All heavy atoms as atom14 arrays in JSON, in Angstrom:
{
  "sequence": "AIDNNQIIGYALKADIKHYFETVDHEILISLIKKKIKDDK",
  "atom14_mask": [
    [1, 1, 1, 1, 1, 0, 0, 0, 0, 0, 0, 0, 0, 0],
    [1, 1, 1, 1, 1, 1, 1, 1, 0, 0, 0, 0, 0, 0],
    [1, 1, 1, 1, 1, 1, 1, 1, 0, 0, 0, 0, 0, 0],
    [1, 1, 1, 1, 1, 1, 1, 1, 0, 0, 0, 0, 0, 0],
    [1, 1, 1, 1, 1, 1, 1, 1, 0, 0, 0, 0, 0, 0],
    [1, 1, 1, 1, 1, 1, 1, 1, 1, 0, 0, 0, 0, 0],
    [1, 1, 1, 1, 1, 1, 1, 1, 0, 0, 0, 0, 0, 0],
    [1, 1, 1, 1, 1, 1, 1, 1, 0, 0, 0, 0, 0, 0],
    [1, 1, 1, 1, 0, 0, 0, 0, 0, 0, 0, 0, 0, 0],
    [1, 1, 1, 1, 1, 1, 1, 1, 1, 1, 1, 1, 0, 0],
    [1, 1, 1, 1, 1, 0, 0, 0, 0, 0, 0, 0, 0, 0],
    [1, 1, 1, 1, 1, 1, 1, 1, 0, 0, 0, 0, 0, 0],
    [1, 1, 1, 1, 1, 1, 1, 1, 1, 0, 0, 0, 0, 0],
    [1, 1, 1, 1, 1, 0, 0, 0, 0, 0, 0, 0, 0, 0],
    [1, 1, 1, 1, 1, 1, 1, 1, 0, 0, 0, 0, 0, 0],
    [1, 1, 1, 1, 1, 1, 1, 1, 0, 0, 0, 0, 0, 0],
    [1, 1, 1, 1, 1, 1, 1, 1, 1, 0, 0, 0, 0, 0],
    [1, 1, 1, 1, 1, 1, 1, 1, 1, 1, 0, 0, 0, 0],
    [1, 1, 1, 1, 1, 1, 1, 1, 1, 1, 1, 1, 0, 0],
    [1, 1, 1, 1, 1, 1, 1, 1, 1, 1, 1, 0, 0, 0],
    [1, 1, 1, 1, 1, 1, 1, 1, 1, 0, 0, 0, 0, 0],
    [1, 1, 1, 1, 1, 1, 1, 0, 0, 0, 0, 0, 0, 0],
    [1, 1, 1, 1, 1, 1, 1, 0, 0, 0, 0, 0, 0, 0],
    [1, 1, 1, 1, 1, 1, 1, 1, 0, 0, 0, 0, 0, 0],
    [1, 1, 1, 1, 1, 1, 1, 1, 1, 1, 0, 0, 0, 0],
    [1, 1, 1, 1, 1, 1, 1, 1, 1, 0, 0, 0, 0, 0],
    [1, 1, 1, 1, 1, 1, 1, 1, 0, 0, 0, 0, 0, 0],
    [1, 1, 1, 1, 1, 1, 1, 1, 0, 0, 0, 0, 0, 0],
    [1, 1, 1, 1, 1, 1, 1, 1, 0, 0, 0, 0, 0, 0],
    [1, 1, 1, 1, 1, 1, 0, 0, 0, 0, 0, 0, 0, 0],
    [1, 1, 1, 1, 1, 1, 1, 1, 0, 0, 0, 0, 0, 0],
    [1, 1, 1, 1, 1, 1, 1, 1, 0, 0, 0, 0, 0, 0],
    [1, 1, 1, 1, 1, 1, 1, 1, 1, 0, 0, 0, 0, 0],
    [1, 1, 1, 1, 1, 1, 1, 1, 1, 0, 0, 0, 0, 0],
    [1, 1, 1, 1, 1, 1, 1, 1, 1, 0, 0, 0, 0, 0],
    [1, 1, 1, 1, 1, 1, 1, 1, 0, 0, 0, 0, 0, 0],
    [1, 1, 1, 1, 1, 1, 1, 1, 1, 0, 0, 0, 0, 0],
    [1, 1, 1, 1, 1, 1, 1, 1, 0, 0, 0, 0, 0, 0],
    [1, 1, 1, 1, 1, 1, 1, 1, 0, 0, 0, 0, 0, 0],
    [1, 1, 1, 1, 1, 1, 1, 1, 1, 0, 0, 0, 0, 0]
  ],
  "atom14_positions": [
    [[-150.08, 43.9, 3.8], [-148.86, 43.28, 3.68], [-147.87, 43.77, 2.53], [-148.42, 44.23, 1.47], [-149.15, 41.77, 3.27], [0.0, 0.0, 0.0], [0.0, 0.0, 0.0], [0.0, 0.0, 0.0], [0.0, 0.0, 0.0], [0.0, 0.0, 0.0], [0.0, 0.0, 0.0], [0.0, 0.0, 0.0], [0.0, 0.0, 0.0], [0.0, 0.0, 0.0]],
    [[-146.59, 43.77, 2.85], [-145.73, 44.32, 1.83], [-144.97, 43.23, 0.94], [-144.34, 43.48, -0.01], [-144.51, 45.27, 2.49], [-143.79, 44.33, 3.56], [-145.15, 46.46, 3.1], [-142.55, 45.02, 4.1], [0.0, 0.0, 0.0], [0.0, 0.0, 0.0], [0.0, 0.0, 0.0], [0.0, 0.0, 0.0], [0.0, 0.0, 0.0], [0.0, 0.0, 0.0]],
    [[-145.13, 42.04, 1.39], [-144.68, 40.91, 0.55], [-145.43, 39.57, 0.95], [-146.26, 39.63, 1.84], [-143.16, 40.69, 0.7], [-142.79, 40.32, 2.19], [-143.3, 39.33, 2.6], [-141.7, 40.87, 2.61], [0.0, 0.0, 0.0], [0.0, 0.0, 0.0], [0.0, 0.0, 0.0], [0.0, 0.0, 0.0], [0.0, 0.0, 0.0], [0.0, 0.0, 0.0]],
    [[-145.25, 38.54, 0.1], [-146.06, 37.31, 0.36], [-145.61, 36.41, 1.47], [-146.2, 35.45, 1.71], [-146.12, 36.49, -0.91], [-144.83, 35.96, -1.36], [-143.75, 36.29, -0.64], [-144.74, 35.31, -2.39], [0.0, 0.0, 0.0], [0.0, 0.0, 0.0], [0.0, 0.0, 0.0], [0.0, 0.0, 0.0], [0.0, 0.0, 0.0], [0.0, 0.0, 0.0]],
    [[-144.9, 36.98, 2.32], [-144.49, 36.23, 3.63], [-145.08, 36.85, 4.83], [-144.91, 36.43, 5.95], [-142.84, 36.35, 3.84], [-142.18, 35.28, 2.85], [-142.33, 34.1, 2.96], [-141.39, 35.87, 1.9], [0.0, 0.0, 0.0], [0.0, 0.0, 0.0], [0.0, 0.0, 0.0], [0.0, 0.0, 0.0], [0.0, 0.0, 0.0], [0.0, 0.0, 0.0]],
    [[-145.82, 37.95, 4.62], [-146.52, 38.73, 5.7], [-147.81, 38.05, 6.01], [-148.87, 38.49, 5.59], [-146.63, 40.14, 5.27], [-145.41, 40.84, 4.97], [-144.79, 41.52, 6.15], [-145.32, 42.56, 6.66], [-143.79, 40.97, 6.61], [0.0, 0.0, 0.0], [0.0, 0.0, 0.0], [0.0, 0.0, 0.0], [0.0, 0.0, 0.0], [0.0, 0.0, 0.0]],
    [[-147.72, 36.82, 6.58], [-148.98, 36.03, 6.7], [-149.58, 36.23, 8.11], [-148.89, 36.77, 8.91], [-148.59, 34.51, 6.56], [-147.51, 34.04, 7.62], [-148.1, 34.2, 5.05], [-147.21, 32.53, 7.64], [0.0, 0.0, 0.0], [0.0, 0.0, 0.0], [0.0, 0.0, 0.0], [0.0, 0.0, 0.0], [0.0, 0.0, 0.0], [0.0, 0.0, 0.0]],
    [[-150.74, 35.92, 8.35], [-151.49, 35.95, 9.55], [-150.92, 34.87, 10.55], [-150.37, 33.97, 10.08], [-152.97, 35.8, 9.43], [-153.4, 34.37, 8.88], [-153.6, 36.93, 8.49], [-154.76, 34.16, 8.93], [0.0, 0.0, 0.0], [0.0, 0.0, 0.0], [0.0, 0.0, 0.0], [0.0, 0.0, 0.0], [0.0, 0.0, 0.0], [0.0, 0.0, 0.0]],
    [[-151.18, 35.15, 11.83], [-150.87, 34.08, 12.77], [-149.69, 34.46, 13.61], [-148.91, 35.4, 13.33], [0.0, 0.0, 0.0], [0.0, 0.0, 0.0], [0.0, 0.0, 0.0], [0.0, 0.0, 0.0], [0.0, 0.0, 0.0], [0.0, 0.0, 0.0], [0.0, 0.0, 0.0], [0.0, 0.0, 0.0], [0.0, 0.0, 0.0], [0.0, 0.0, 0.0]],
    [[-149.6, 33.7, 14.82], [-148.59, 33.96, 15.8], [-147.92, 32.75, 16.32], [-148.47, 31.76, 16.28], [-149.17, 34.9, 16.98], [-149.78, 36.05, 16.65], [-151.15, 36.19, 16.26], [-149.08, 37.3, 16.72], [-151.66, 37.36, 15.95], [-149.56, 38.54, 16.43], [-150.96, 38.52, 15.95], [-151.52, 39.71, 15.62], [0.0, 0.0, 0.0], [0.0, 0.0, 0.0]],
    [[-146.79, 32.93, 16.86], [-145.95, 31.7, 17.43], [-145.63, 32.13, 18.9], [-144.97, 33.23, 19.03], [-144.77, 31.45, 16.71], [0.0, 0.0, 0.0], [0.0, 0.0, 0.0], [0.0, 0.0, 0.0], [0.0, 0.0, 0.0], [0.0, 0.0, 0.0], [0.0, 0.0, 0.0], [0.0, 0.0, 0.0], [0.0, 0.0, 0.0], [0.0, 0.0, 0.0]],
    [[-145.99, 31.42, 19.96], [-145.39, 31.55, 21.25], [-144.16, 30.7, 21.21], [-144.11, 29.38, 21.06], [-146.49, 30.95, 22.27], [-145.83, 30.54, 23.68], [-145.15, 31.84, 24.25], [-147.0, 30.12, 24.58], [0.0, 0.0, 0.0], [0.0, 0.0, 0.0], [0.0, 0.0, 0.0], [0.0, 0.0, 0.0], [0.0, 0.0, 0.0], [0.0, 0.0, 0.0]],
    [[-143.11, 31.3, 21.33], [-141.84, 30.73, 21.44], [-141.13, 30.8, 22.71], [-140.94, 31.95, 23.21], [-140.9, 31.4, 20.35], [-139.54, 30.91, 20.02], [-138.8, 31.59, 18.88], [-137.61, 30.87, 18.54], [-136.5, 30.9, 19.71], [0.0, 0.0, 0.0], [0.0, 0.0, 0.0], [0.0, 0.0, 0.0], [0.0, 0.0, 0.0], [0.0, 0.0, 0.0]],
    [[-140.77, 29.7, 23.33], [-140.25, 29.74, 24.73], [-139.2, 28.66, 24.97], [-139.04, 27.76, 24.23], [-141.44, 29.64, 25.65], [0.0, 0.0, 0.0], [0.0, 0.0, 0.0], [0.0, 0.0, 0.0], [0.0, 0.0, 0.0], [0.0, 0.0, 0.0], [0.0, 0.0, 0.0], [0.0, 0.0, 0.0], [0.0, 0.0, 0.0], [0.0, 0.0, 0.0]],
    [[-138.46, 28.95, 26.01], [-137.62, 27.95, 26.53], [-137.48, 27.97, 28.11], [-137.88, 28.91, 28.64], [-136.18, 27.8, 25.82], [-135.25, 28.92, 26.27], [-135.63, 29.81, 27.15], [-134.13, 29.0, 25.82], [0.0, 0.0, 0.0], [0.0, 0.0, 0.0], [0.0, 0.0, 0.0], [0.0, 0.0, 0.0], [0.0, 0.0, 0.0], [0.0, 0.0, 0.0]],
    [[-136.88, 26.87, 28.59], [-136.76, 26.75, 30.08], [-135.53, 27.46, 30.58], [-134.52, 27.16, 29.93], [-136.86, 25.28, 30.47], [-138.0, 24.65, 29.84], [-136.97, 25.25, 32.03], [-139.33, 25.02, 30.22], [0.0, 0.0, 0.0], [0.0, 0.0, 0.0], [0.0, 0.0, 0.0], [0.0, 0.0, 0.0], [0.0, 0.0, 0.0], [0.0, 0.0, 0.0]],
    [[-135.56, 28.16, 31.6], [-134.31, 28.93, 32.05], [-133.46, 27.85, 32.86], [-133.86, 27.21, 33.64], [-134.89, 30.01, 33.03], [-133.66, 30.76, 33.69], [-134.15, 31.86, 34.66], [-133.1, 32.67, 35.23], [-133.67, 33.74, 36.22], [0.0, 0.0, 0.0], [0.0, 0.0, 0.0], [0.0, 0.0, 0.0], [0.0, 0.0, 0.0], [0.0, 0.0, 0.0]],
    [[-132.21, 27.86, 32.19], [-131.2, 26.87, 32.93], [-131.74, 25.47, 33.03], [-131.71, 24.99, 34.26], [-130.74, 27.44, 34.18], [-130.12, 28.85, 34.23], [-129.31, 29.24, 33.24], [-130.42, 30.02, 34.89], [-129.0, 30.52, 33.36], [-129.71, 31.03, 34.42], [0.0, 0.0, 0.0], [0.0, 0.0, 0.0], [0.0, 0.0, 0.0], [0.0, 0.0, 0.0]],
    [[-132.33, 24.94, 32.14], [-133.0, 23.67, 32.18], [-132.26, 22.52, 32.78], [-132.71, 21.94, 33.88], [-133.64, 23.27, 30.75], [-134.38, 21.95, 30.84], [-135.38, 21.71, 31.83], [-134.05, 21.01, 30.0], [-135.99, 20.51, 31.8], [-134.7, 19.6, 30.07], [-135.71, 19.45, 30.9], [-136.31, 18.25, 31.09], [0.0, 0.0, 0.0], [0.0, 0.0, 0.0]],
    [[-131.13, 22.18, 32.16], [-130.36, 21.08, 32.67], [-129.9, 21.19, 34.03], [-129.78, 20.19, 34.78], [-129.28, 20.73, 31.75], [-129.76, 19.89, 30.45], [-130.25, 20.59, 29.29], [-129.81, 18.51, 30.43], [-130.61, 19.92, 28.22], [-130.14, 17.72, 29.35], [-130.54, 18.49, 28.29], [0.0, 0.0, 0.0], [0.0, 0.0, 0.0], [0.0, 0.0, 0.0]],
    [[-129.6, 22.52, 34.48], [-129.17, 22.78, 35.85], [-130.16, 22.67, 36.9], [-129.95, 22.43, 38.03], [-128.54, 24.14, 35.77], [-127.2, 24.33, 34.84], [-126.72, 25.66, 34.74], [-127.16, 26.56, 35.62], [-126.3, 26.13, 33.71], [0.0, 0.0, 0.0], [0.0, 0.0, 0.0], [0.0, 0.0, 0.0], [0.0, 0.0, 0.0], [0.0, 0.0, 0.0]],
    [[-131.43, 22.63, 36.54], [-132.43, 22.85, 37.49], [-133.52, 21.66, 37.52], [-134.44, 21.63, 38.23], [-133.38, 24.13, 37.14], [-133.82, 24.21, 35.82], [-132.5, 25.41, 37.43], [0.0, 0.0, 0.0], [0.0, 0.0, 0.0], [0.0, 0.0, 0.0], [0.0, 0.0, 0.0], [0.0, 0.0, 0.0], [0.0, 0.0, 0.0], [0.0, 0.0, 0.0]],
    [[-133.24, 20.59, 36.8], [-134.06, 19.36, 36.82], [-133.91, 18.81, 38.17], [-132.86, 18.62, 38.74], [-133.71, 18.42, 35.82], [-134.28, 16.98, 35.99], [-133.99, 18.81, 34.38], [0.0, 0.0, 0.0], [0.0, 0.0, 0.0], [0.0, 0.0, 0.0], [0.0, 0.0, 0.0], [0.0, 0.0, 0.0], [0.0, 0.0, 0.0], [0.0, 0.0, 0.0]],
    [[-135.12, 18.62, 38.84], [-135.13, 18.19, 40.3], [-135.15, 16.61, 40.24], [-136.01, 15.97, 39.71], [-136.43, 18.69, 40.85], [-136.51, 18.44, 42.39], [-136.86, 17.17, 42.7], [-136.3, 19.09, 43.22], [0.0, 0.0, 0.0], [0.0, 0.0, 0.0], [0.0, 0.0, 0.0], [0.0, 0.0, 0.0], [0.0, 0.0, 0.0], [0.0, 0.0, 0.0]],
    [[-134.13, 15.98, 40.91], [-133.95, 14.55, 40.86], [-135.12, 13.82, 41.46], [-135.52, 12.78, 40.99], [-132.67, 14.19, 41.67], [-131.43, 14.7, 40.97], [-130.14, 14.45, 41.49], [-131.19, 15.37, 39.83], [-129.13, 14.91, 40.65], [-129.79, 15.59, 39.72], [0.0, 0.0, 0.0], [0.0, 0.0, 0.0], [0.0, 0.0, 0.0], [0.0, 0.0, 0.0]],
    [[-135.69, 14.43, 42.61], [-136.79, 13.73, 43.28], [-137.96, 13.61, 42.34], [-138.72, 12.68, 42.27], [-137.07, 14.51, 44.49], [-138.14, 13.75, 45.31], [-138.51, 14.47, 46.68], [-137.57, 15.24, 47.11], [-139.46, 14.13, 47.33], [0.0, 0.0, 0.0], [0.0, 0.0, 0.0], [0.0, 0.0, 0.0], [0.0, 0.0, 0.0], [0.0, 0.0, 0.0]],
    [[-138.26, 14.77, 41.65], [-139.42, 14.66, 40.69], [-139.17, 13.79, 39.49], [-140.07, 13.0, 39.03], [-139.7, 16.25, 40.26], [-140.25, 17.07, 41.3], [-140.72, 16.14, 39.15], [-140.32, 18.61, 40.99], [0.0, 0.0, 0.0], [0.0, 0.0, 0.0], [0.0, 0.0, 0.0], [0.0, 0.0, 0.0], [0.0, 0.0, 0.0], [0.0, 0.0, 0.0]],
    [[-137.81, 13.94, 38.94], [-137.5, 12.96, 37.93], [-137.69, 11.47, 38.26], [-138.27, 10.78, 37.53], [-136.13, 13.17, 37.41], [-135.58, 12.19, 36.34], [-136.39, 12.29, 35.15], [-134.03, 12.56, 36.07], [0.0, 0.0, 0.0], [0.0, 0.0, 0.0], [0.0, 0.0, 0.0], [0.0, 0.0, 0.0], [0.0, 0.0, 0.0], [0.0, 0.0, 0.0]],
    [[-137.25, 11.21, 39.39], [-137.34, 9.69, 39.96], [-138.91, 9.37, 40.02], [-139.27, 8.34, 39.72], [-136.53, 9.51, 41.25], [-135.05, 9.6, 40.95], [-137.01, 8.16, 41.84], [-134.52, 8.49, 40.03], [0.0, 0.0, 0.0], [0.0, 0.0, 0.0], [0.0, 0.0, 0.0], [0.0, 0.0, 0.0], [0.0, 0.0, 0.0], [0.0, 0.0, 0.0]],
    [[-139.64, 10.35, 40.56], [-140.91, 9.99, 40.84], [-141.76, 9.86, 39.51], [-142.62, 8.88, 39.32], [-141.7, 11.17, 41.58], [-141.89, 12.24, 40.73], [0.0, 0.0, 0.0], [0.0, 0.0, 0.0], [0.0, 0.0, 0.0], [0.0, 0.0, 0.0], [0.0, 0.0, 0.0], [0.0, 0.0, 0.0], [0.0, 0.0, 0.0], [0.0, 0.0, 0.0]],
    [[-141.44, 10.59, 38.38], [-141.92, 10.4, 37.07], [-141.52, 8.98, 36.45], [-142.3, 8.36, 35.77], [-141.5, 11.37, 36.1], [-141.96, 12.82, 36.47], [-141.38, 13.93, 35.62], [-143.44, 13.02, 36.52], [0.0, 0.0, 0.0], [0.0, 0.0, 0.0], [0.0, 0.0, 0.0], [0.0, 0.0, 0.0], [0.0, 0.0, 0.0], [0.0, 0.0, 0.0]],
    [[-140.24, 8.62, 36.65], [-139.76, 7.31, 36.13], [-140.52, 6.17, 36.92], [-140.8, 5.19, 36.15], [-138.16, 7.28, 36.36], [-137.57, 8.24, 35.47], [-137.75, 5.89, 36.08], [-135.95, 8.34, 35.72], [0.0, 0.0, 0.0], [0.0, 0.0, 0.0], [0.0, 0.0, 0.0], [0.0, 0.0, 0.0], [0.0, 0.0, 0.0], [0.0, 0.0, 0.0]],
    [[-140.6, 6.37, 38.18], [-141.36, 5.3, 38.98], [-142.79, 5.05, 38.55], [-143.39, 3.9, 38.98], [-141.28, 5.57, 40.51], [-139.93, 5.33, 41.03], [-139.98, 5.59, 42.54], [-138.74, 5.29, 43.2], [-138.7, 5.43, 44.74], [0.0, 0.0, 0.0], [0.0, 0.0, 0.0], [0.0, 0.0, 0.0], [0.0, 0.0, 0.0], [0.0, 0.0, 0.0]],
    [[-143.4, 5.94, 37.91], [-144.71, 5.77, 37.31], [-144.75, 4.53, 36.36], [-145.74, 3.87, 36.27], [-145.28, 7.03, 36.61], [-145.6, 8.18, 37.64], [-146.13, 9.3, 36.82], [-146.52, 10.43, 37.73], [-147.16, 11.6, 36.99], [0.0, 0.0, 0.0], [0.0, 0.0, 0.0], [0.0, 0.0, 0.0], [0.0, 0.0, 0.0], [0.0, 0.0, 0.0]],
    [[-143.58, 4.37, 35.72], [-143.6, 3.29, 34.68], [-142.73, 2.07, 35.07], [-142.92, 1.05, 34.83], [-142.92, 3.8, 33.43], [-143.86, 4.87, 32.76], [-145.25, 4.55, 32.45], [-145.31, 3.27, 31.3], [-146.7, 2.82, 31.09], [0.0, 0.0, 0.0], [0.0, 0.0, 0.0], [0.0, 0.0, 0.0], [0.0, 0.0, 0.0], [0.0, 0.0, 0.0]],
    [[-141.59, 2.38, 35.9], [-140.58, 1.48, 36.3], [-140.82, 1.13, 37.65], [-140.58, 1.86, 38.52], [-139.14, 2.06, 35.95], [-139.0, 2.45, 34.45], [-138.17, 0.91, 36.29], [-139.08, 1.38, 33.54], [0.0, 0.0, 0.0], [0.0, 0.0, 0.0], [0.0, 0.0, 0.0], [0.0, 0.0, 0.0], [0.0, 0.0, 0.0], [0.0, 0.0, 0.0]],
    [[-141.04, -0.12, 38.07], [-141.29, -0.63, 39.32], [-140.15, -1.66, 39.76], [-140.23, -2.5, 40.61], [-142.63, -1.41, 39.46], [-143.77, -0.44, 39.2], [-143.9, 0.62, 40.1], [-145.17, 1.47, 39.88], [-145.15, 2.73, 40.73], [0.0, 0.0, 0.0], [0.0, 0.0, 0.0], [0.0, 0.0, 0.0], [0.0, 0.0, 0.0], [0.0, 0.0, 0.0]],
    [[-138.91, -1.43, 39.14], [-137.76, -2.42, 39.34], [-136.92, -1.56, 40.2], [-136.31, -0.54, 39.68], [-137.16, -2.82, 38.14], [-136.03, -3.86, 38.25], [-135.23, -3.7, 39.16], [-136.02, -4.75, 37.55], [0.0, 0.0, 0.0], [0.0, 0.0, 0.0], [0.0, 0.0, 0.0], [0.0, 0.0, 0.0], [0.0, 0.0, 0.0], [0.0, 0.0, 0.0]],
    [[-136.68, -1.87, 41.52], [-135.98, -1.12, 42.46], [-134.47, -1.16, 41.99], [-133.85, 0.0, 42.22], [-136.0, -1.62, 43.81], [-137.28, -1.38, 44.47], [-138.07, -0.47, 44.02], [-137.74, -2.03, 45.47], [0.0, 0.0, 0.0], [0.0, 0.0, 0.0], [0.0, 0.0, 0.0], [0.0, 0.0, 0.0], [0.0, 0.0, 0.0], [0.0, 0.0, 0.0]],
    [[-133.94, -2.03, 41.24], [-132.47, -2.05, 40.87], [-132.26, -1.03, 39.65], [-131.19, -0.32, 39.76], [-132.04, -3.48, 40.58], [-131.98, -4.33, 41.77], [-131.49, -5.81, 41.31], [-131.55, -6.66, 42.53], [-131.09, -8.13, 42.13], [0.0, 0.0, 0.0], [0.0, 0.0, 0.0], [0.0, 0.0, 0.0], [0.0, 0.0, 0.0], [0.0, 0.0, 0.0]]
  ]
}
């Protein structure tokens, strides 16, 4: 190490491609329905 910030360890850094544009409504509703049983 050349300075005291050269520590061991790694980070997996990721994000979702075009996240908000690709959320599937049918899947989202199915996830909400797992908790919410009010049709209105």
